[in-house]
Full PDB file with SEQRES, HELIX, SHEET, SSBOND, CRYST1, ORIGX, SCALE, CONECT and MASTER records, all heavy atoms in Angstrom:
SEQRES   1 A   30  ALA GLU ALA GLN PRO ALA ALA GLY SER GLY GLN MET GLU          
SEQRES   2 A   30  SER LEU MET LEU SER THR THR GLY GLU PHE GLY PRO ILE          
SEQRES   3 A   30  LEU PHE VAL VAL                                              
HELIX    1 AA1 PRO A   25  VAL A   29  1                                   5    
CRYST1    1.000    1.000    1.000  90.00  90.00  90.00 P 1           1          
ORIGX1      1.000000  0.000000  0.000000        0.00000                         
ORIGX2      0.000000  1.000000  0.000000        0.00000                         
ORIGX3      0.000000  0.000000  1.000000        0.00000                         
SCALE1      1.000000  0.000000  0.000000        0.00000                         
SCALE2      0.000000  1.000000  0.000000        0.00000                         
SCALE3      0.000000  0.000000  1.000000        0.00000                         
ATOM      1  N   ALA A   1     -55.209   6.500 -57.343  1.00  0.00           N  
ATOM      2  CA  ALA A   1     -54.729   7.886 -57.556  1.00  0.00           C  
ATOM      3  C   ALA A   1     -55.606   8.547 -58.621  1.00  0.00           C  
ATOM      4  O   ALA A   1     -55.729   8.045 -59.725  1.00  0.00           O  
ATOM      5  CB  ALA A   1     -53.280   7.848 -57.984  1.00  0.00           C  
ATOM      6  N   GLU A   2     -56.192   9.645 -58.246  1.00  0.00           N  
ATOM      7  CA  GLU A   2     -57.058  10.418 -59.176  1.00  0.00           C  
ATOM      8  C   GLU A   2     -56.274  11.589 -59.761  1.00  0.00           C  
ATOM      9  O   GLU A   2     -55.410  12.167 -59.087  1.00  0.00           O  
ATOM     10  CB  GLU A   2     -58.295  10.899 -58.448  1.00  0.00           C  
ATOM     11  CG  GLU A   2     -59.152   9.802 -57.845  1.00  0.00           C  
ATOM     12  CD  GLU A   2     -59.893   8.961 -58.887  1.00  0.00           C  
ATOM     13  OE1 GLU A   2     -59.949   9.418 -60.050  1.00  0.00           O  
ATOM     14  OE2 GLU A   2     -60.432   7.923 -58.508  1.00  0.00           O  
ATOM     15  N   ALA A   3     -56.599  11.905 -60.965  1.00  0.00           N  
ATOM     16  CA  ALA A   3     -55.967  13.125 -61.558  1.00  0.00           C  
ATOM     17  C   ALA A   3     -56.411  14.356 -60.777  1.00  0.00           C  
ATOM     18  O   ALA A   3     -57.602  14.482 -60.449  1.00  0.00           O  
ATOM     19  CB  ALA A   3     -56.362  13.211 -63.024  1.00  0.00           C  
ATOM     20  N   GLN A   4     -55.493  15.267 -60.553  1.00  0.00           N  
ATOM     21  CA  GLN A   4     -55.862  16.506 -59.839  1.00  0.00           C  
ATOM     22  C   GLN A   4     -56.614  17.434 -60.763  1.00  0.00           C  
ATOM     23  O   GLN A   4     -56.342  17.553 -61.951  1.00  0.00           O  
ATOM     24  CB  GLN A   4     -54.586  17.174 -59.382  1.00  0.00           C  
ATOM     25  CG  GLN A   4     -53.795  16.394 -58.373  1.00  0.00           C  
ATOM     26  CD  GLN A   4     -54.550  16.220 -57.075  1.00  0.00           C  
ATOM     27  OE1 GLN A   4     -55.117  17.160 -56.548  1.00  0.00           O  
ATOM     28  NE2 GLN A   4     -54.589  15.021 -56.553  1.00  0.00           N  
ATOM     29  N   PRO A   5     -57.618  18.112 -60.234  1.00  0.00           N  
ATOM     30  CA  PRO A   5     -58.364  19.122 -60.995  1.00  0.00           C  
ATOM     31  C   PRO A   5     -57.420  20.200 -61.528  1.00  0.00           C  
ATOM     32  O   PRO A   5     -56.418  20.467 -60.933  1.00  0.00           O  
ATOM     33  CB  PRO A   5     -59.369  19.656 -60.031  1.00  0.00           C  
ATOM     34  CG  PRO A   5     -59.496  18.658 -58.979  1.00  0.00           C  
ATOM     35  CD  PRO A   5     -58.135  17.983 -58.868  1.00  0.00           C  
ATOM     36  N   ALA A   6     -57.801  20.801 -62.640  1.00  0.00           N  
ATOM     37  CA  ALA A   6     -57.002  21.844 -63.219  1.00  0.00           C  
ATOM     38  C   ALA A   6     -57.014  23.088 -62.364  1.00  0.00           C  
ATOM     39  O   ALA A   6     -58.013  23.347 -61.641  1.00  0.00           O  
ATOM     40  CB  ALA A   6     -57.485  22.146 -64.638  1.00  0.00           C  
ATOM     41  N   ALA A   7     -55.980  23.901 -62.514  1.00  0.00           N  
ATOM     42  CA  ALA A   7     -55.929  25.203 -61.791  1.00  0.00           C  
ATOM     43  C   ALA A   7     -57.123  26.043 -62.212  1.00  0.00           C  
ATOM     44  O   ALA A   7     -57.524  26.057 -63.384  1.00  0.00           O  
ATOM     45  CB  ALA A   7     -54.675  25.905 -62.108  1.00  0.00           C  
ATOM     46  N   GLY A   8     -57.677  26.759 -61.248  1.00  0.00           N  
ATOM     47  CA  GLY A   8     -58.831  27.592 -61.537  1.00  0.00           C  
ATOM     48  C   GLY A   8     -60.141  26.930 -61.325  1.00  0.00           C  
ATOM     49  O   GLY A   8     -61.198  27.553 -61.423  1.00  0.00           O  
ATOM     50  N   SER A   9     -60.129  25.623 -61.020  1.00  0.00           N  
ATOM     51  CA  SER A   9     -61.390  24.910 -60.838  1.00  0.00           C  
ATOM     52  C   SER A   9     -62.000  25.130 -59.445  1.00  0.00           C  
ATOM     53  O   SER A   9     -63.143  24.797 -59.216  1.00  0.00           O  
ATOM     54  CB  SER A   9     -61.176  23.403 -61.025  1.00  0.00           C  
ATOM     55  OG  SER A   9     -60.373  22.913 -59.992  1.00  0.00           O  
ATOM     56  N   GLY A  10     -61.161  25.677 -58.532  1.00  0.00           N  
ATOM     57  CA  GLY A  10     -61.639  25.867 -57.179  1.00  0.00           C  
ATOM     58  C   GLY A  10     -61.488  24.597 -56.328  1.00  0.00           C  
ATOM     59  O   GLY A  10     -61.848  24.577 -55.198  1.00  0.00           O  
ATOM     60  N   GLN A  11     -60.967  23.526 -56.932  1.00  0.00           N  
ATOM     61  CA  GLN A  11     -60.847  22.239 -56.219  1.00  0.00           C  
ATOM     62  C   GLN A  11     -59.489  21.636 -56.513  1.00  0.00           C  
ATOM     63  O   GLN A  11     -59.394  20.461 -56.844  1.00  0.00           O  
ATOM     64  CB  GLN A  11     -61.954  21.302 -56.575  1.00  0.00           C  
ATOM     65  CG  GLN A  11     -63.320  21.782 -56.119  1.00  0.00           C  
ATOM     66  CD  GLN A  11     -64.321  20.660 -55.961  1.00  0.00           C  
ATOM     67  OE1 GLN A  11     -64.123  19.551 -56.518  1.00  0.00           O  
ATOM     68  NE2 GLN A  11     -65.336  20.879 -55.229  1.00  0.00           N  
ATOM     69  N   MET A  12     -58.440  22.436 -56.413  1.00  0.00           N  
ATOM     70  CA  MET A  12     -57.127  21.928 -56.667  1.00  0.00           C  
ATOM     71  C   MET A  12     -56.319  21.782 -55.380  1.00  0.00           C  
ATOM     72  O   MET A  12     -56.280  22.704 -54.581  1.00  0.00           O  
ATOM     73  CB  MET A  12     -56.355  22.859 -57.593  1.00  0.00           C  
ATOM     74  CG  MET A  12     -54.975  22.385 -57.963  1.00  0.00           C  
ATOM     75  SD  MET A  12     -54.209  23.448 -59.182  1.00  0.00           S  
ATOM     76  CE  MET A  12     -52.662  22.644 -59.463  1.00  0.00           C  
ATOM     77  N   GLU A  13     -55.703  20.652 -55.138  1.00  0.00           N  
ATOM     78  CA  GLU A  13     -54.986  20.474 -53.882  1.00  0.00           C  
ATOM     79  C   GLU A  13     -53.657  21.236 -53.957  1.00  0.00           C  
ATOM     80  O   GLU A  13     -53.101  21.483 -54.999  1.00  0.00           O  
ATOM     81  CB  GLU A  13     -54.729  18.976 -53.643  1.00  0.00           C  
ATOM     82  CG  GLU A  13     -54.144  18.729 -52.263  1.00  0.00           C  
ATOM     83  CD  GLU A  13     -54.245  17.263 -51.864  1.00  0.00           C  
ATOM     84  OE1 GLU A  13     -54.599  16.459 -52.734  1.00  0.00           O  
ATOM     85  OE2 GLU A  13     -53.956  16.970 -50.707  1.00  0.00           O  
ATOM     86  N   SER A  14     -53.142  21.553 -52.781  1.00  0.00           N  
ATOM     87  CA  SER A  14     -51.932  22.367 -52.696  1.00  0.00           C  
ATOM     88  C   SER A  14     -50.743  21.703 -53.380  1.00  0.00           C  
ATOM     89  O   SER A  14     -50.589  20.474 -53.393  1.00  0.00           O  
ATOM     90  CB  SER A  14     -51.568  22.525 -51.204  1.00  0.00           C  
ATOM     91  OG  SER A  14     -50.281  23.111 -51.100  1.00  0.00           O  
ATOM     92  N   LEU A  15     -49.914  22.506 -54.014  1.00  0.00           N  
ATOM     93  CA  LEU A  15     -48.719  22.014 -54.626  1.00  0.00           C  
ATOM     94  C   LEU A  15     -47.599  21.781 -53.606  1.00  0.00           C  
ATOM     95  O   LEU A  15     -46.539  21.250 -53.933  1.00  0.00           O  
ATOM     96  CB  LEU A  15     -48.218  22.996 -55.682  1.00  0.00           C  
ATOM     97  CG  LEU A  15     -49.152  23.222 -56.894  1.00  0.00           C  
ATOM     98  CD1 LEU A  15     -48.542  24.253 -57.784  1.00  0.00           C  
ATOM     99  CD2 LEU A  15     -49.392  21.948 -57.640  1.00  0.00           C  
ATOM    100  N   MET A  16     -47.774  22.232 -52.393  1.00  0.00           N  
ATOM    101  CA  MET A  16     -46.660  22.253 -51.420  1.00  0.00           C  
ATOM    102  C   MET A  16     -46.451  20.950 -50.732  1.00  0.00           C  
ATOM    103  O   MET A  16     -45.303  20.515 -50.531  1.00  0.00           O  
ATOM    104  CB  MET A  16     -46.904  23.382 -50.369  1.00  0.00           C  
ATOM    105  CG  MET A  16     -47.012  24.774 -51.005  1.00  0.00           C  
ATOM    106  SD  MET A  16     -45.573  25.116 -52.049  1.00  0.00           S  
ATOM    107  CE  MET A  16     -44.283  25.052 -50.824  1.00  0.00           C  
ATOM    108  N   LEU A  17     -47.472  20.259 -50.277  1.00  0.00           N  
ATOM    109  CA  LEU A  17     -47.324  19.077 -49.528  1.00  0.00           C  
ATOM    110  C   LEU A  17     -48.558  18.179 -49.696  1.00  0.00           C  
ATOM    111  O   LEU A  17     -49.684  18.658 -49.558  1.00  0.00           O  
ATOM    112  CB  LEU A  17     -47.152  19.414 -48.039  1.00  0.00           C  
ATOM    113  CG  LEU A  17     -47.052  18.263 -47.027  1.00  0.00           C  
ATOM    114  CD1 LEU A  17     -45.811  17.436 -47.256  1.00  0.00           C  
ATOM    115  CD2 LEU A  17     -47.075  18.783 -45.609  1.00  0.00           C  
ATOM    116  N   SER A  18     -48.310  16.930 -50.017  1.00  0.00           N  
ATOM    117  CA  SER A  18     -49.488  16.018 -50.170  1.00  0.00           C  
ATOM    118  C   SER A  18     -49.098  14.652 -49.655  1.00  0.00           C  
ATOM    119  O   SER A  18     -47.916  14.297 -49.550  1.00  0.00           O  
ATOM    120  CB  SER A  18     -49.910  15.941 -51.652  1.00  0.00           C  
ATOM    121  OG  SER A  18     -48.886  15.367 -52.444  1.00  0.00           O  
ATOM    122  N   THR A  19     -50.109  13.891 -49.310  1.00  0.00           N  
ATOM    123  CA  THR A  19     -49.885  12.517 -48.778  1.00  0.00           C  
ATOM    124  C   THR A  19     -50.784  11.533 -49.499  1.00  0.00           C  
ATOM    125  O   THR A  19     -51.841  11.894 -50.016  1.00  0.00           O  
ATOM    126  CB  THR A  19     -50.206  12.525 -47.254  1.00  0.00           C  
ATOM    127  OG1 THR A  19     -51.610  12.866 -47.067  1.00  0.00           O  
ATOM    128  CG2 THR A  19     -49.326  13.471 -46.521  1.00  0.00           C  
ATOM    129  N   THR A  20     -50.386  10.293 -49.425  1.00  0.00           N  
ATOM    130  CA  THR A  20     -51.251   9.178 -49.891  1.00  0.00           C  
ATOM    131  C   THR A  20     -51.074   8.031 -48.887  1.00  0.00           C  
ATOM    132  O   THR A  20     -50.163   8.031 -48.092  1.00  0.00           O  
ATOM    133  CB  THR A  20     -50.843   8.707 -51.293  1.00  0.00           C  
ATOM    134  OG1 THR A  20     -49.514   8.163 -51.215  1.00  0.00           O  
ATOM    135  CG2 THR A  20     -50.912   9.773 -52.311  1.00  0.00           C  
ATOM    136  N   GLY A  21     -51.995   7.109 -48.934  1.00  0.00           N  
ATOM    137  CA  GLY A  21     -51.870   5.914 -48.114  1.00  0.00           C  
ATOM    138  C   GLY A  21     -52.743   5.836 -46.935  1.00  0.00           C  
ATOM    139  O   GLY A  21     -52.719   4.852 -46.160  1.00  0.00           O  
ATOM    140  N   GLU A  22     -53.649   6.857 -46.692  1.00  0.00           N  
ATOM    141  CA  GLU A  22     -54.420   6.890 -45.503  1.00  0.00           C  
ATOM    142  C   GLU A  22     -55.464   5.772 -45.446  1.00  0.00           C  
ATOM    143  O   GLU A  22     -55.854   5.342 -44.347  1.00  0.00           O  
ATOM    144  CB  GLU A  22     -55.165   8.236 -45.373  1.00  0.00           C  
ATOM    145  CG  GLU A  22     -54.244   9.409 -45.079  1.00  0.00           C  
ATOM    146  CD  GLU A  22     -53.740  10.138 -46.328  1.00  0.00           C  
ATOM    147  OE1 GLU A  22     -53.842   9.535 -47.413  1.00  0.00           O  
ATOM    148  OE2 GLU A  22     -53.279  11.240 -46.231  1.00  0.00           O  
ATOM    149  N   PHE A  23     -55.932   5.260 -46.567  1.00  0.00           N  
ATOM    150  CA  PHE A  23     -57.022   4.301 -46.550  1.00  0.00           C  
ATOM    151  C   PHE A  23     -56.605   2.889 -46.275  1.00  0.00           C  
ATOM    152  O   PHE A  23     -57.409   1.979 -46.297  1.00  0.00           O  
ATOM    153  CB  PHE A  23     -57.797   4.371 -47.869  1.00  0.00           C  
ATOM    154  CG  PHE A  23     -58.606   5.623 -48.023  1.00  0.00           C  
ATOM    155  CD1 PHE A  23     -58.148   6.662 -48.845  1.00  0.00           C  
ATOM    156  CD2 PHE A  23     -59.794   5.787 -47.376  1.00  0.00           C  
ATOM    157  CE1 PHE A  23     -58.899   7.818 -48.982  1.00  0.00           C  
ATOM    158  CE2 PHE A  23     -60.523   6.935 -47.513  1.00  0.00           C  
ATOM    159  CZ  PHE A  23     -60.068   7.969 -48.316  1.00  0.00           C  
ATOM    160  N   GLY A  24     -55.384   2.602 -46.058  1.00  0.00           N  
ATOM    161  CA  GLY A  24     -54.930   1.270 -45.757  1.00  0.00           C  
ATOM    162  C   GLY A  24     -53.463   1.043 -45.925  1.00  0.00           C  
ATOM    163  O   GLY A  24     -52.843   0.363 -45.088  1.00  0.00           O  
ATOM    164  N   PRO A  25     -52.825   1.553 -46.978  1.00  0.00           N  
ATOM    165  CA  PRO A  25     -51.393   1.288 -47.156  1.00  0.00           C  
ATOM    166  C   PRO A  25     -50.548   1.671 -45.931  1.00  0.00           C  
ATOM    167  O   PRO A  25     -49.583   0.931 -45.645  1.00  0.00           O  
ATOM    168  CB  PRO A  25     -51.047   2.152 -48.370  1.00  0.00           C  
ATOM    169  CG  PRO A  25     -52.297   2.196 -49.160  1.00  0.00           C  
ATOM    170  CD  PRO A  25     -53.404   2.232 -48.159  1.00  0.00           C  
ATOM    171  N   ILE A  26     -50.839   2.744 -45.264  1.00  0.00           N  
ATOM    172  CA  ILE A  26     -50.008   3.115 -44.117  1.00  0.00           C  
ATOM    173  C   ILE A  26     -50.090   2.053 -43.030  1.00  0.00           C  
ATOM    174  O   ILE A  26     -49.084   1.744 -42.352  1.00  0.00           O  
ATOM    175  CB  ILE A  26     -50.425   4.518 -43.548  1.00  0.00           C  
ATOM    176  CG1 ILE A  26     -49.405   4.949 -42.486  1.00  0.00           C  
ATOM    177  CG2 ILE A  26     -51.826   4.490 -42.993  1.00  0.00           C  
ATOM    178  CD1 ILE A  26     -49.614   6.372 -42.001  1.00  0.00           C  
ATOM    179  N   LEU A  27     -51.249   1.438 -42.868  1.00  0.00           N  
ATOM    180  CA  LEU A  27     -51.397   0.360 -41.863  1.00  0.00           C  
ATOM    181  C   LEU A  27     -50.584  -0.899 -42.296  1.00  0.00           C  
ATOM    182  O   LEU A  27     -49.955  -1.504 -41.465  1.00  0.00           O  
ATOM    183  CB  LEU A  27     -52.873   0.032 -41.642  1.00  0.00           C  
ATOM    184  CG  LEU A  27     -53.763   1.198 -41.193  1.00  0.00           C  
ATOM    185  CD1 LEU A  27     -55.244   0.739 -41.096  1.00  0.00           C  
ATOM    186  CD2 LEU A  27     -53.279   1.728 -39.855  1.00  0.00           C  
ATOM    187  N   PHE A  28     -50.704  -1.236 -43.569  1.00  0.00           N  
ATOM    188  CA  PHE A  28     -49.959  -2.428 -44.056  1.00  0.00           C  
ATOM    189  C   PHE A  28     -48.482  -2.197 -43.920  1.00  0.00           C  
ATOM    190  O   PHE A  28     -47.697  -3.118 -43.530  1.00  0.00           O  
ATOM    191  CB  PHE A  28     -50.366  -2.732 -45.482  1.00  0.00           C  
ATOM    192  CG  PHE A  28     -51.731  -3.288 -45.662  1.00  0.00           C  
ATOM    193  CD1 PHE A  28     -52.736  -2.521 -46.174  1.00  0.00           C  
ATOM    194  CD2 PHE A  28     -51.986  -4.621 -45.303  1.00  0.00           C  
ATOM    195  CE1 PHE A  28     -54.010  -3.084 -46.351  1.00  0.00           C  
ATOM    196  CE2 PHE A  28     -53.232  -5.150 -45.444  1.00  0.00           C  
ATOM    197  CZ  PHE A  28     -54.253  -4.360 -45.972  1.00  0.00           C  
ATOM    198  N   VAL A  29     -47.995  -1.012 -44.291  1.00  0.00           N  
ATOM    199  CA  VAL A  29     -46.580  -0.705 -44.261  1.00  0.00           C  
ATOM    200  C   VAL A  29     -46.038  -0.885 -42.837  1.00  0.00           C  
ATOM    201  O   VAL A  29     -45.032  -1.519 -42.605  1.00  0.00           O  
ATOM    202  CB  VAL A  29     -46.307   0.714 -44.793  1.00  0.00           C  
ATOM    203  CG1 VAL A  29     -44.871   1.167 -44.440  1.00  0.00           C  
ATOM    204  CG2 VAL A  29     -46.493   0.769 -46.304  1.00  0.00           C  
ATOM    205  N   VAL A  30     -46.713  -0.244 -41.862  1.00  0.00           N  
ATOM    206  CA  VAL A  30     -46.231  -0.301 -40.488  1.00  0.00           C  
ATOM    207  C   VAL A  30     -46.269  -1.743 -39.964  1.00  0.00           C  
ATOM    208  O   VAL A  30     -45.293  -2.180 -39.344  1.00  0.00           O  
ATOM    209  CB  VAL A  30     -47.065   0.643 -39.579  1.00  0.00           C  
ATOM    210  CG1 VAL A  30     -46.695   0.396 -38.123  1.00  0.00           C  
ATOM    211  CG2 VAL A  30     -46.809   2.109 -39.967  1.00  0.00           C  
TER     212      VAL A  30                                                      
MASTER        0    0    0    1    0    0    0    6  211    1    0    3          
END                                                                             
């Protein structure tokens, strides 16, 4: 988990919906 860039940086992910686990955890969980 990386720290999100600060607002105004032009590279901040949406506050509305986010996901984690795509690189492997989702496969292990299922």
